[in-house]
Amino acid sequence: MQKITYIDGKRFLRGLIAGGKRVMQHQDYLNKINVFPVADADTGSNLALTMKAIMESKPGRA
């Protein structure tokens, strides 16, 4: 494994997408452990929807 010594836009985007995929894969687990700020068991769902929207947006758009 090579040590990362810098981060550019492409590398950041790849990391963001990888993290978003993990959130979506573990959405149910995140709902089960949800206690903050309110134990309403939807934090995983909300985070997954947010990550999905980010991943589906077109790069470079504000």
PDB file of N, CA and C in Angstrom:
ATOM      1  N   MET A   1       0.838  -1.174   0.000  1.00  0.00           N
ATOM      2  CA  MET A   1       0.000   0.000   0.000  1.00  0.00           C
ATOM      3  C   MET A   1       0.884   1.239   0.000  1.00  0.00           C
ATOM      4  N   GLN A   2       0.531   2.197  -0.831  1.00  0.00           N
ATOM      5  CA  GLN A   2       1.296   3.428  -0.956  1.00  0.00           C
ATOM      6  C   GLN A   2       0.704   4.512  -0.061  1.00  0.00           C
ATOM      7  N   LYS A   3       1.571   5.232   0.632  1.00  0.00           N
ATOM      8  CA  LYS A   3       1.119   6.312   1.506  1.00  0.00           C
ATOM      9  C   LYS A   3       0.643   7.492   0.663  1.00  0.00           C
ATOM     10  N   ILE A   4      -0.507   8.026   1.022  1.00  0.00           N
ATOM     11  CA  ILE A   4      -1.051   9.189   0.318  1.00  0.00           C
ATOM     12  C   ILE A   4      -0.375  10.437   0.881  1.00  0.00           C
ATOM     13  N   THR A   5       0.213  11.227  -0.002  1.00  0.00           N
ATOM     14  CA  THR A   5       0.917  12.439   0.439  1.00  0.00           C
ATOM     15  C   THR A   5       0.203  13.718  -0.005  1.00  0.00           C
ATOM     16  N   TYR A   6      -0.862  13.587  -0.779  1.00  0.00           N
ATOM     17  CA  TYR A   6      -1.608  14.757  -1.224  1.00  0.00           C
ATOM     18  C   TYR A   6      -3.042  14.337  -1.521  1.00  0.00           C
ATOM     19  N   ILE A   7      -3.911  15.314  -1.610  1.00  0.00           N
ATOM     20  CA  ILE A   7      -5.286  15.041  -2.026  1.00  0.00           C
ATOM     21  C   ILE A   7      -5.665  16.090  -3.069  1.00  0.00           C
ATOM     22  N   ASP A   8      -6.190  15.614  -4.174  1.00  0.00           N
ATOM     23  CA  ASP A   8      -6.670  16.514  -5.211  1.00  0.00           C
ATOM     24  C   ASP A   8      -8.168  16.270  -5.396  1.00  0.00           C
ATOM     25  N   GLY A   9      -8.772  16.948  -6.329  1.00  0.00           N
ATOM     26  CA  GLY A   9     -10.213  16.824  -6.528  1.00  0.00           C
ATOM     27  C   GLY A   9     -10.654  15.417  -6.869  1.00  0.00           C
ATOM     28  N   LYS A  10      -9.915  14.747  -7.745  1.00  0.00           N
ATOM     29  CA  LYS A  10     -10.279  13.384  -8.140  1.00  0.00           C
ATOM     30  C   LYS A  10     -10.185  12.425  -6.965  1.00  0.00           C
ATOM     31  N   ARG A  11      -9.123  12.550  -6.195  1.00  0.00           N
ATOM     32  CA  ARG A  11      -8.939  11.662  -5.041  1.00  0.00           C
ATOM     33  C   ARG A  11     -10.012  11.930  -3.991  1.00  0.00           C
ATOM     34  N   PHE A  12     -10.328  13.198  -3.767  1.00  0.00           N
ATOM     35  CA  PHE A  12     -11.373  13.556  -2.808  1.00  0.00           C
ATOM     36  C   PHE A  12     -12.720  12.979  -3.250  1.00  0.00           C
ATOM     37  N   LEU A  13     -13.046  13.117  -4.529  1.00  0.00           N
ATOM     38  CA  LEU A  13     -14.308  12.604  -5.048  1.00  0.00           C
ATOM     39  C   LEU A  13     -14.381  11.084  -4.892  1.00  0.00           C
ATOM     40  N   ARG A  14     -13.303  10.388  -5.199  1.00  0.00           N
ATOM     41  CA  ARG A  14     -13.296   8.922  -5.030  1.00  0.00           C
ATOM     42  C   ARG A  14     -13.535   8.533  -3.577  1.00  0.00           C
ATOM     43  N   GLY A  15     -12.920   9.257  -2.647  1.00  0.00           N
ATOM     44  CA  GLY A  15     -13.128   8.985  -1.223  1.00  0.00           C
ATOM     45  C   GLY A  15     -14.554   9.264  -0.793  1.00  0.00           C
ATOM     46  N   LEU A  16     -15.114  10.348  -1.284  1.00  0.00           N
ATOM     47  CA  LEU A  16     -16.493  10.706  -0.962  1.00  0.00           C
ATOM     48  C   LEU A  16     -17.463   9.639  -1.475  1.00  0.00           C
ATOM     49  N   ILE A  17     -17.250   9.183  -2.690  1.00  0.00           N
ATOM     50  CA  ILE A  17     -18.107   8.143  -3.265  1.00  0.00           C
ATOM     51  C   ILE A  17     -17.967   6.833  -2.501  1.00  0.00           C
ATOM     52  N   ALA A  18     -16.737   6.457  -2.164  1.00  0.00           N
ATOM     53  CA  ALA A  18     -16.522   5.221  -1.395  1.00  0.00           C
ATOM     54  C   ALA A  18     -17.219   5.300  -0.040  1.00  0.00           C
ATOM     55  N   GLY A  19     -17.105   6.451   0.626  1.00  0.00           N
ATOM     56  CA  GLY A  19     -17.772   6.623   1.916  1.00  0.00           C
ATOM     57  C   GLY A  19     -19.284   6.595   1.777  1.00  0.00           C
ATOM     58  N   GLY A  20     -19.800   7.214   0.723  1.00  0.00           N
ATOM     59  CA  GLY A  20     -21.245   7.203   0.481  1.00  0.00           C
ATOM     60  C   GLY A  20     -21.775   5.803   0.256  1.00  0.00           C
ATOM     61  N   LYS A  21     -21.022   5.001  -0.483  1.00  0.00           N
ATOM     62  CA  LYS A  21     -21.433   3.608  -0.716  1.00  0.00           C
ATOM     63  C   LYS A  21     -21.468   2.827   0.587  1.00  0.00           C
ATOM     64  N   ARG A  22     -20.490   3.058   1.458  1.00  0.00           N
ATOM     65  CA  ARG A  22     -20.472   2.359   2.753  1.00  0.00           C
ATOM     66  C   ARG A  22     -21.663   2.769   3.618  1.00  0.00           C
ATOM     67  N   VAL A  23     -21.993   4.053   3.606  1.00  0.00           N
ATOM     68  CA  VAL A  23     -23.153   4.519   4.367  1.00  0.00           C
ATOM     69  C   VAL A  23     -24.407   3.825   3.872  1.00  0.00           C
ATOM     70  N   MET A  24     -24.576   3.756   2.556  1.00  0.00           N
ATOM     71  CA  MET A  24     -25.775   3.116   2.001  1.00  0.00           C
ATOM     72  C   MET A  24     -25.799   1.615   2.296  1.00  0.00           C
ATOM     73  N   GLN A  25     -24.640   0.966   2.287  1.00  0.00           N
ATOM     74  CA  GLN A  25     -24.578  -0.460   2.599  1.00  0.00           C
ATOM     75  C   GLN A  25     -24.956  -0.740   4.046  1.00  0.00           C
ATOM     76  N   HIS A  26     -24.684   0.204   4.936  1.00  0.00           N
ATOM     77  CA  HIS A  26     -24.904  -0.009   6.366  1.00  0.00           C
ATOM     78  C   HIS A  26     -26.011   0.878   6.928  1.00  0.00           C
ATOM     79  N   GLN A  27     -26.914   1.305   6.062  1.00  0.00           N
ATOM     80  CA  GLN A  27     -28.009   2.184   6.458  1.00  0.00           C
ATOM     81  C   GLN A  27     -28.847   1.583   7.587  1.00  0.00           C
ATOM     82  N   ASP A  28     -29.205   0.316   7.478  1.00  0.00           N
ATOM     83  CA  ASP A  28     -30.041  -0.316   8.517  1.00  0.00           C
ATOM     84  C   ASP A  28     -29.321  -0.362   9.862  1.00  0.00           C
ATOM     85  N   TYR A  29     -28.032  -0.671   9.831  1.00  0.00           N
ATOM     86  CA  TYR A  29     -27.254  -0.706  11.076  1.00  0.00           C
ATOM     87  C   TYR A  29     -27.192   0.684  11.705  1.00  0.00           C
ATOM     88  N   LEU A  30     -26.968   1.703  10.879  1.00  0.00           N
ATOM     89  CA  LEU A  30     -26.918   3.065  11.398  1.00  0.00           C
ATOM     90  C   LEU A  30     -28.261   3.474  12.013  1.00  0.00           C
ATOM     91  N   ASN A  31     -29.355   3.023  11.425  1.00  0.00           N
ATOM     92  CA  ASN A  31     -30.667   3.294  12.011  1.00  0.00           C
ATOM     93  C   ASN A  31     -30.804   2.624  13.377  1.00  0.00           C
ATOM     94  N   LYS A  32     -30.275   1.415  13.506  1.00  0.00           N
ATOM     95  CA  LYS A  32     -30.399   0.678  14.776  1.00  0.00           C
ATOM     96  C   LYS A  32     -29.605   1.324  15.900  1.00  0.00           C
ATOM     97  N   ILE A  33     -28.439   1.882  15.586  1.00  0.00           N
ATOM     98  CA  ILE A  33     -27.613   2.464  16.651  1.00  0.00           C
ATOM     99  C   ILE A  33     -27.883   3.950  16.845  1.00  0.00           C
ATOM    100  N   ASN A  34     -28.816   4.500  16.121  1.00  0.00           N
ATOM    101  CA  ASN A  34     -29.135   5.927  16.177  1.00  0.00           C
ATOM    102  C   ASN A  34     -29.622   6.346  17.553  1.00  0.00           C
ATOM    103  N   VAL A  35     -28.884   7.223  18.203  1.00  0.00           N
ATOM    104  CA  VAL A  35     -29.315   7.780  19.489  1.00  0.00           C
ATOM    105  C   VAL A  35     -29.150   9.290  19.549  1.00  0.00           C
ATOM    106  N   PHE A  36     -28.487   9.888  18.564  1.00  0.00           N
ATOM    107  CA  PHE A  36     -28.212  11.323  18.603  1.00  0.00           C
ATOM    108  C   PHE A  36     -28.670  11.978  17.324  1.00  0.00           C
ATOM    109  N   PRO A  37     -29.286  13.078  17.337  1.00  0.00           N
ATOM    110  CA  PRO A  37     -29.714  13.857  18.501  1.00  0.00           C
ATOM    111  C   PRO A  37     -31.003  13.321  19.115  1.00  0.00           C
ATOM    112  N   VAL A  38     -31.761  12.525  18.339  1.00  0.00           N
ATOM    113  CA  VAL A  38     -33.004  11.928  18.839  1.00  0.00           C
ATOM    114  C   VAL A  38     -33.012  10.466  18.398  1.00  0.00           C
ATOM    115  N   ALA A  39     -33.402   9.586  19.283  1.00  0.00           N
ATOM    116  CA  ALA A  39     -33.432   8.155  18.957  1.00  0.00           C
ATOM    117  C   ALA A  39     -34.670   7.827  18.129  1.00  0.00           C
ATOM    118  N   ASP A  40     -34.697   8.318  16.895  1.00  0.00           N
ATOM    119  CA  ASP A  40     -35.858   8.109  16.031  1.00  0.00           C
ATOM    120  C   ASP A  40     -35.612   7.075  14.940  1.00  0.00           C
ATOM    121  N   ALA A  41     -34.447   6.459  14.953  1.00  0.00           N
ATOM    122  CA  ALA A  41     -34.100   5.351  14.051  1.00  0.00           C
ATOM    123  C   ALA A  41     -34.170   5.704  12.572  1.00  0.00           C
ATOM    124  N   ASP A  42     -33.858   6.962  12.239  1.00  0.00           N
ATOM    125  CA  ASP A  42     -33.851   7.300  10.818  1.00  0.00           C
ATOM    126  C   ASP A  42     -32.573   8.008  10.367  1.00  0.00           C
ATOM    127  N   THR A  43     -31.596   8.095  11.248  1.00  0.00           N
ATOM    128  CA  THR A  43     -30.355   8.781  10.877  1.00  0.00           C
ATOM    129  C   THR A  43     -29.654   8.087   9.720  1.00  0.00           C
ATOM    130  N   GLY A  44     -29.623   6.770   9.714  1.00  0.00           N
ATOM    131  CA  GLY A  44     -29.008   6.032   8.606  1.00  0.00           C
ATOM    132  C   GLY A  44     -29.713   6.320   7.293  1.00  0.00           C
ATOM    133  N   SER A  45     -31.039   6.344   7.332  1.00  0.00           N
ATOM    134  CA  SER A  45     -31.813   6.642   6.127  1.00  0.00           C
ATOM    135  C   SER A  45     -31.558   8.059   5.645  1.00  0.00           C
ATOM    136  N   ASN A  46     -31.558   9.019   6.562  1.00  0.00           N
ATOM    137  CA  ASN A  46     -31.326  10.407   6.199  1.00  0.00           C
ATOM    138  C   ASN A  46     -29.922  10.600   5.626  1.00  0.00           C
ATOM    139  N   LEU A  47     -28.932   9.999   6.267  1.00  0.00           N
ATOM    140  CA  LEU A  47     -27.555  10.120   5.793  1.00  0.00           C
ATOM    141  C   LEU A  47     -27.390   9.447   4.433  1.00  0.00           C
ATOM    142  N   ALA A  48     -28.010   8.292   4.252  1.00  0.00           N
ATOM    143  CA  ALA A  48     -27.931   7.588   2.968  1.00  0.00           C
ATOM    144  C   ALA A  48     -28.566   8.410   1.852  1.00  0.00           C
ATOM    145  N   LEU A  49     -29.705   9.030   2.120  1.00  0.00           N
ATOM    146  CA  LEU A  49     -30.356   9.872   1.110  1.00  0.00           C
ATOM    147  C   LEU A  49     -29.501  11.091   0.772  1.00  0.00           C
ATOM    148  N   THR A  50     -28.879  11.670   1.783  1.00  0.00           N
ATOM    149  CA  THR A  50     -28.004  12.819   1.550  1.00  0.00           C
ATOM    150  C   THR A  50     -26.805  12.415   0.703  1.00  0.00           C
ATOM    151  N   MET A  51     -26.171  11.295   1.046  1.00  0.00           N
ATOM    152  CA  MET A  51     -25.003  10.834   0.294  1.00  0.00           C
ATOM    153  C   MET A  51     -25.386  10.472  -1.137  1.00  0.00           C
ATOM    154  N   LYS A  52     -26.559   9.864  -1.302  1.00  0.00           N
ATOM    155  CA  LYS A  52     -27.010   9.502  -2.648  1.00  0.00           C
ATOM    156  C   LYS A  52     -27.182  10.753  -3.509  1.00  0.00           C
ATOM    157  N   ALA A  53     -27.788  11.788  -2.935  1.00  0.00           N
ATOM    158  CA  ALA A  53     -27.980  13.037  -3.676  1.00  0.00           C
ATOM    159  C   ALA A  53     -26.638  13.659  -4.055  1.00  0.00           C
ATOM    160  N   ILE A  54     -25.681  13.627  -3.153  1.00  0.00           N
ATOM    161  CA  ILE A  54     -24.352  14.161  -3.442  1.00  0.00           C
ATOM    162  C   ILE A  54     -23.704  13.370  -4.567  1.00  0.00           C
ATOM    163  N   MET A  55     -23.785  12.061  -4.493  1.00  0.00           N
ATOM    164  CA  MET A  55     -23.141  11.203  -5.490  1.00  0.00           C
ATOM    165  C   MET A  55     -23.802  11.330  -6.860  1.00  0.00           C
ATOM    166  N   GLU A  56     -25.088  11.642  -6.903  1.00  0.00           N
ATOM    167  CA  GLU A  56     -25.792  11.767  -8.178  1.00  0.00           C
ATOM    168  C   GLU A  56     -25.691  13.172  -8.776  1.00  0.00           C
ATOM    169  N   SER A  57     -25.200  14.139  -7.982  1.00  0.00           N
ATOM    170  CA  SER A  57     -25.068  15.486  -8.512  1.00  0.00           C
ATOM    171  C   SER A  57     -23.906  15.539  -9.497  1.00  0.00           C
ATOM    172  N   LYS A  58     -23.964  16.515 -10.349  1.00  0.00           N
ATOM    173  CA  LYS A  58     -22.910  16.641 -11.359  1.00  0.00           C
ATOM    174  C   LYS A  58     -21.739  17.397 -10.761  1.00  0.00           C
ATOM    175  N   PRO A  59     -20.506  16.867 -10.894  1.00  0.00           N
ATOM    176  CA  PRO A  59     -19.330  17.551 -10.368  1.00  0.00           C
ATOM    177  C   PRO A  59     -19.187  18.948 -10.968  1.00  0.00           C
ATOM    178  N   GLY A  60     -18.739  19.873 -10.145  1.00  0.00           N
ATOM    179  CA  GLY A  60     -18.503  21.218 -10.619  1.00  0.00           C
ATOM    180  C   GLY A  60     -19.688  22.152 -10.488  1.00  0.00           C
ATOM    181  N   ARG A  61     -20.840  21.601 -10.100  1.00  0.00           N
ATOM    182  CA  ARG A  61     -22.024  22.448  -9.916  1.00  0.00           C
ATOM    183  C   ARG A  61     -22.124  22.856  -8.462  1.00  0.00           C
ATOM    184  N   ALA A  62     -22.442  24.089  -8.215  1.00  0.00           N
ATOM    185  CA  ALA A  62     -22.588  24.579  -6.846  1.00  0.00           C
ATOM    186  C   ALA A  62     -24.036  24.595  -6.438  1.00  0.00           C
TER     187      ALA A  62
END
